[in-house]
C-alpha atoms as a PDB file:
ATOM      1  CA  UNK A   1     -71.227  66.151  26.604  1.00  0.00           C
ATOM      2  CA  UNK A   2     -70.542  62.663  27.921  1.00  0.00           C
ATOM      3  CA  UNK A   3     -69.382  62.974  31.538  1.00  0.00           C
ATOM      4  CA  UNK A   4     -67.978  59.429  31.274  1.00  0.00           C
ATOM      5  CA  UNK A   5     -65.488  59.296  28.413  1.00  0.00           C
ATOM      6  CA  UNK A   6     -65.189  55.504  28.712  1.00  0.00           C
ATOM      7  CA  UNK A   7     -68.952  54.888  28.435  1.00  0.00           C
ATOM      8  CA  UNK A   8     -69.752  52.303  25.758  1.00  0.00           C
ATOM      9  CA  UNK A   9     -73.531  52.364  26.108  1.00  0.00           C
ATOM     10  CA  UNK A  10     -75.299  52.893  22.798  1.00  0.00           C
ATOM     11  CA  UNK A  11     -78.713  53.527  24.376  1.00  0.00           C
ATOM     12  CA  UNK A  12     -78.535  57.307  24.229  1.00  0.00           C
ATOM     13  CA  UNK A  13     -82.337  57.546  24.507  1.00  0.00           C
ATOM     14  CA  UNK A  14     -82.105  56.342  28.113  1.00  0.00           C
ATOM     15  CA  UNK A  15     -82.582  59.172  30.607  1.00  0.00           C
ATOM     16  CA  UNK A  16     -79.672  57.740  32.629  1.00  0.00           C
ATOM     17  CA  UNK A  17     -77.183  57.861  29.750  1.00  0.00           C
ATOM     18  CA  UNK A  18     -74.202  60.122  30.658  1.00  0.00           C
ATOM     19  CA  UNK A  19     -74.877  62.390  27.678  1.00  0.00           C
ATOM     20  CA  UNK A  20     -78.218  63.394  29.233  1.00  0.00           C
ATOM     21  CA  UNK A  21     -76.894  64.778  32.544  1.00  0.00           C
ATOM     22  CA  UNK A  22     -73.661  65.653  34.355  1.00  0.00           C
ATOM     23  CA  UNK A  23     -73.512  62.754  36.855  1.00  0.00           C
ATOM     24  CA  UNK A  24     -71.589  60.245  34.757  1.00  0.00           C
ATOM     25  CA  UNK A  25     -72.473  56.582  35.148  1.00  0.00           C
ATOM     26  CA  UNK A  26     -73.657  56.864  38.752  1.00  0.00           C
ATOM     27  CA  UNK A  27     -77.431  57.061  38.099  1.00  0.00           C
ATOM     28  CA  UNK A  28     -77.319  54.036  35.817  1.00  0.00           C
ATOM     29  CA  UNK A  29     -75.290  51.987  38.274  1.00  0.00           C
ATOM     30  CA  UNK A  30     -77.566  52.949  41.178  1.00  0.00           C
ATOM     31  CA  UNK A  31     -80.656  51.889  39.202  1.00  0.00           C
ATOM     32  CA  UNK A  32     -79.116  48.591  38.191  1.00  0.00           C
ATOM     33  CA  UNK A  33     -77.911  47.757  41.687  1.00  0.00           C
ATOM     34  CA  UNK A  34     -81.412  48.360  43.076  1.00  0.00           C
ATOM     35  CA  UNK A  35     -82.804  45.943  40.477  1.00  0.00           C
ATOM     36  CA  UNK A  36     -79.989  43.391  41.024  1.00  0.00           C
ATOM     37  CA  UNK A  37     -78.924  43.877  37.430  1.00  0.00           C
ATOM     38  CA  UNK A  38     -75.800  44.895  35.548  1.00  0.00           C
ATOM     39  CA  UNK A  39     -75.512  47.960  33.307  1.00  0.00           C
ATOM     40  CA  UNK A  40     -75.790  47.467  29.558  1.00  0.00           C
ATOM     41  CA  UNK A  41     -72.119  48.349  29.095  1.00  0.00           C
ATOM     42  CA  UNK A  42     -71.081  45.136  30.887  1.00  0.00           C
ATOM     43  CA  UNK A  43     -73.092  43.036  28.444  1.00  0.00           C
ATOM     44  CA  UNK A  44     -71.682  44.849  25.419  1.00  0.00           C
ATOM     45  CA  UNK A  45     -68.289  43.356  26.185  1.00  0.00           C
ATOM     46  CA  UNK A  46     -69.575  39.812  25.566  1.00  0.00           C
ATOM     47  CA  UNK A  47     -70.358  38.501  22.103  1.00  0.00           C
ATOM     48  CA  UNK A  48     -73.938  37.380  21.603  1.00  0.00           C
ATOM     49  CA  UNK A  49     -75.299  39.777  24.217  1.00  0.00           C
ATOM     50  CA  UNK A  50     -77.764  41.304  21.757  1.00  0.00           C
ATOM     51  CA  UNK A  51     -79.960  38.203  22.092  1.00  0.00           C
ATOM     52  CA  UNK A  52     -80.092  38.192  25.889  1.00  0.00           C
ATOM     53  CA  UNK A  53     -83.432  38.043  27.647  1.00  0.00           C
ATOM     54  CA  UNK A  54     -82.521  40.134  30.682  1.00  0.00           C
ATOM     55  CA  UNK A  55     -79.885  42.112  32.534  1.00  0.00           C
ATOM     56  CA  UNK A  56     -79.663  40.086  35.760  1.00  0.00           C
ATOM     57  CA  UNK A  57     -76.457  38.759  37.298  1.00  0.00           C
ATOM     58  CA  UNK A  58     -77.645  35.281  36.253  1.00  0.00           C
ATOM     59  CA  UNK A  59     -78.171  36.422  32.652  1.00  0.00           C
ATOM     60  CA  UNK A  60     -74.668  37.878  32.575  1.00  0.00           C
ATOM     61  CA  UNK A  61     -73.083  34.765  34.103  1.00  0.00           C
ATOM     62  CA  UNK A  62     -74.844  32.498  31.596  1.00  0.00           C
ATOM     63  CA  UNK A  63     -73.701  34.678  28.729  1.00  0.00           C
ATOM     64  CA  UNK A  64     -70.088  34.770  29.922  1.00  0.00           C
ATOM     65  CA  UNK A  65     -70.011  31.033  30.578  1.00  0.00           C
ATOM     66  CA  UNK A  66     -71.502  30.376  27.151  1.00  0.00           C
ATOM     67  CA  UNK A  67     -74.408  28.460  28.611  1.00  0.00           C
ATOM     68  CA  UNK A  68     -76.756  29.584  25.848  1.00  0.00           C
ATOM     69  CA  UNK A  69     -79.865  28.969  27.960  1.00  0.00           C
ATOM     70  CA  UNK A  70     -79.738  31.930  30.332  1.00  0.00           C
ATOM     71  CA  UNK A  71     -82.147  30.274  32.760  1.00  0.00           C
ATOM     72  CA  UNK A  72     -79.968  27.193  33.237  1.00  0.00           C
ATOM     73  CA  UNK A  73     -77.692  28.517  35.974  1.00  0.00           C
END
């Protein structure tokens, strides 16, 4: 069962995916915050995210702004 009905993450092999435990998105968000990254579900909302090189705030900003080169910010 997915404890987060709005979860859009396709990486069901991840041990933090809501279908693998009963804590919803919390473990994933905690992990990402510690790493200064954003969860995969944020990236899935932006076209072209499949080609990204990382999950950092900078990577996300570059993707959203359409910068192409994710290291340019």
